[in-house]
Amino acid sequence: MKITKSHNLCPLCGGTKKKGKTIFAVDLGFGVVVVREVPATVCSQCGADWIGDSVAKKLEKIVEEARKRHNLVEVMSLSK
């Protein structure tokens, strides 16, 4: 019997993965960066999320810029 894994199934709970949005947060030690409306693949059952490589690169740039500004709290939205 051949077992196949579906790319549309959550590996954590078996729920369905769909395109959606999530919140990305980073604790910088001196402050926090929160990015809302981040495009991601989200499990409809457990809420687990996965961020694609291109979005992750954008988030890395946002975090680096926030680190330079040294704000205590920085909240922003990521638009596609």
C-alpha atoms as a PDB file:
ATOM      1  CA  MET A   1       0.000   0.000   0.000  1.00  0.00           C
ATOM      2  CA  LYS A   2       1.408   3.360  -1.045  1.00  0.00           C
ATOM      3  CA  ILE A   3       0.927   6.228   1.388  1.00  0.00           C
ATOM      4  CA  THR A   4       0.815   9.680  -0.157  1.00  0.00           C
ATOM      5  CA  LYS A   5       0.912  13.005   1.634  1.00  0.00           C
ATOM      6  CA  SER A   6      -1.208  15.846   0.385  1.00  0.00           C
ATOM      7  CA  HIS A   7       0.382  19.295   0.302  1.00  0.00           C
ATOM      8  CA  ASN A   8      -3.029  20.662   1.259  1.00  0.00           C
ATOM      9  CA  LEU A   9      -3.134  18.822   4.588  1.00  0.00           C
ATOM     10  CA  CYS A  10      -1.680  20.233   7.785  1.00  0.00           C
ATOM     11  CA  PRO A  11       1.174  18.014   9.007  1.00  0.00           C
ATOM     12  CA  LEU A  12       0.251  18.884  12.607  1.00  0.00           C
ATOM     13  CA  CYS A  13      -3.458  18.081  12.762  1.00  0.00           C
ATOM     14  CA  GLY A  14      -4.534  16.856   9.315  1.00  0.00           C
ATOM     15  CA  GLY A  15      -6.705  19.924   8.691  1.00  0.00           C
ATOM     16  CA  THR A  16      -6.883  21.743   5.367  1.00  0.00           C
ATOM     17  CA  LYS A  17      -4.218  24.343   4.531  1.00  0.00           C
ATOM     18  CA  LYS A  18      -5.512  27.438   2.724  1.00  0.00           C
ATOM     19  CA  LYS A  19      -4.171  30.820   1.673  1.00  0.00           C
ATOM     20  CA  GLY A  20      -4.740  33.407   4.344  1.00  0.00           C
ATOM     21  CA  LYS A  21      -3.057  35.973   6.562  1.00  0.00           C
ATOM     22  CA  THR A  22      -1.214  35.787   9.855  1.00  0.00           C
ATOM     23  CA  ILE A  23       0.553  37.991  12.391  1.00  0.00           C
ATOM     24  CA  PHE A  24       4.347  37.895  12.640  1.00  0.00           C
ATOM     25  CA  ALA A  25       5.978  39.050  15.867  1.00  0.00           C
ATOM     26  CA  VAL A  26       9.629  39.322  16.927  1.00  0.00           C
ATOM     27  CA  ASP A  27      11.049  40.125  20.359  1.00  0.00           C
ATOM     28  CA  LEU A  28      14.227  42.153  19.812  1.00  0.00           C
ATOM     29  CA  GLY A  29      15.131  42.243  23.496  1.00  0.00           C
ATOM     30  CA  PHE A  30      14.717  46.007  23.772  1.00  0.00           C
ATOM     31  CA  GLY A  31      11.377  46.050  21.965  1.00  0.00           C
ATOM     32  CA  VAL A  32       8.872  44.159  19.865  1.00  0.00           C
ATOM     33  CA  VAL A  33       8.037  44.249  16.156  1.00  0.00           C
ATOM     34  CA  VAL A  34       4.558  43.116  15.101  1.00  0.00           C
ATOM     35  CA  VAL A  35       3.625  42.806  11.438  1.00  0.00           C
ATOM     36  CA  ARG A  36      -0.056  42.258  10.661  1.00  0.00           C
ATOM     37  CA  GLU A  37      -1.748  41.026   7.488  1.00  0.00           C
ATOM     38  CA  VAL A  38       1.180  38.766   6.489  1.00  0.00           C
ATOM     39  CA  PRO A  39       0.281  36.494   3.543  1.00  0.00           C
ATOM     40  CA  ALA A  40       0.635  32.865   4.620  1.00  0.00           C
ATOM     41  CA  THR A  41      -0.736  29.388   4.279  1.00  0.00           C
ATOM     42  CA  VAL A  42      -2.952  28.748   7.302  1.00  0.00           C
ATOM     43  CA  CYS A  43      -4.533  25.553   8.633  1.00  0.00           C
ATOM     44  CA  SER A  44      -8.293  25.968   8.858  1.00  0.00           C
ATOM     45  CA  GLN A  45      -8.448  23.584  11.812  1.00  0.00           C
ATOM     46  CA  CYS A  46      -5.538  24.342  14.185  1.00  0.00           C
ATOM     47  CA  GLY A  47      -4.405  27.753  12.884  1.00  0.00           C
ATOM     48  CA  ALA A  48      -0.786  26.747  12.234  1.00  0.00           C
ATOM     49  CA  ASP A  49       0.780  28.985   9.598  1.00  0.00           C
ATOM     50  CA  TRP A  50       3.567  28.867   7.036  1.00  0.00           C
ATOM     51  CA  ILE A  51       5.214  31.914   5.452  1.00  0.00           C
ATOM     52  CA  GLY A  52       6.752  31.692   1.979  1.00  0.00           C
ATOM     53  CA  ASP A  53      10.379  32.568   1.226  1.00  0.00           C
ATOM     54  CA  SER A  54       9.654  35.854  -0.568  1.00  0.00           C
ATOM     55  CA  VAL A  55       7.478  37.079   2.307  1.00  0.00           C
ATOM     56  CA  ALA A  56      10.107  35.950   4.841  1.00  0.00           C
ATOM     57  CA  LYS A  57      12.713  38.086   3.054  1.00  0.00           C
ATOM     58  CA  LYS A  58      10.436  41.131   3.328  1.00  0.00           C
ATOM     59  CA  LEU A  59       9.922  40.420   7.026  1.00  0.00           C
ATOM     60  CA  GLU A  60      13.681  40.156   7.575  1.00  0.00           C
ATOM     61  CA  LYS A  61      14.131  43.625   6.054  1.00  0.00           C
ATOM     62  CA  ILE A  62      11.343  45.051   8.220  1.00  0.00           C
ATOM     63  CA  VAL A  63      12.883  43.582  11.372  1.00  0.00           C
ATOM     64  CA  GLU A  64      16.348  44.882  10.481  1.00  0.00           C
ATOM     65  CA  GLU A  65      14.993  48.399   9.890  1.00  0.00           C
ATOM     66  CA  ALA A  66      13.062  48.256  13.173  1.00  0.00           C
ATOM     67  CA  ARG A  67      16.231  47.146  14.965  1.00  0.00           C
ATOM     68  CA  LYS A  68      18.006  50.260  13.624  1.00  0.00           C
ATOM     69  CA  ARG A  69      15.189  52.563  14.820  1.00  0.00           C
ATOM     70  CA  HIS A  70      15.346  50.956  18.282  1.00  0.00           C
ATOM     71  CA  ASN A  71      11.658  51.595  19.078  1.00  0.00           C
ATOM     72  CA  LEU A  72      10.076  49.883  22.062  1.00  0.00           C
ATOM     73  CA  VAL A  73       7.047  48.753  20.010  1.00  0.00           C
ATOM     74  CA  GLU A  74       6.565  48.872  16.261  1.00  0.00           C
ATOM     75  CA  VAL A  75       3.373  47.628  14.602  1.00  0.00           C
ATOM     76  CA  MET A  76       2.830  47.623  10.859  1.00  0.00           C
ATOM     77  CA  SER A  77       0.910  45.803   8.114  1.00  0.00           C
ATOM     78  CA  LEU A  78       2.490  43.967   5.227  1.00  0.00           C
ATOM     79  CA  SER A  79       0.701  44.515   1.945  1.00  0.00           C
ATOM     80  CA  LYS A  80       1.212  42.226  -1.021  1.00  0.00           C
END
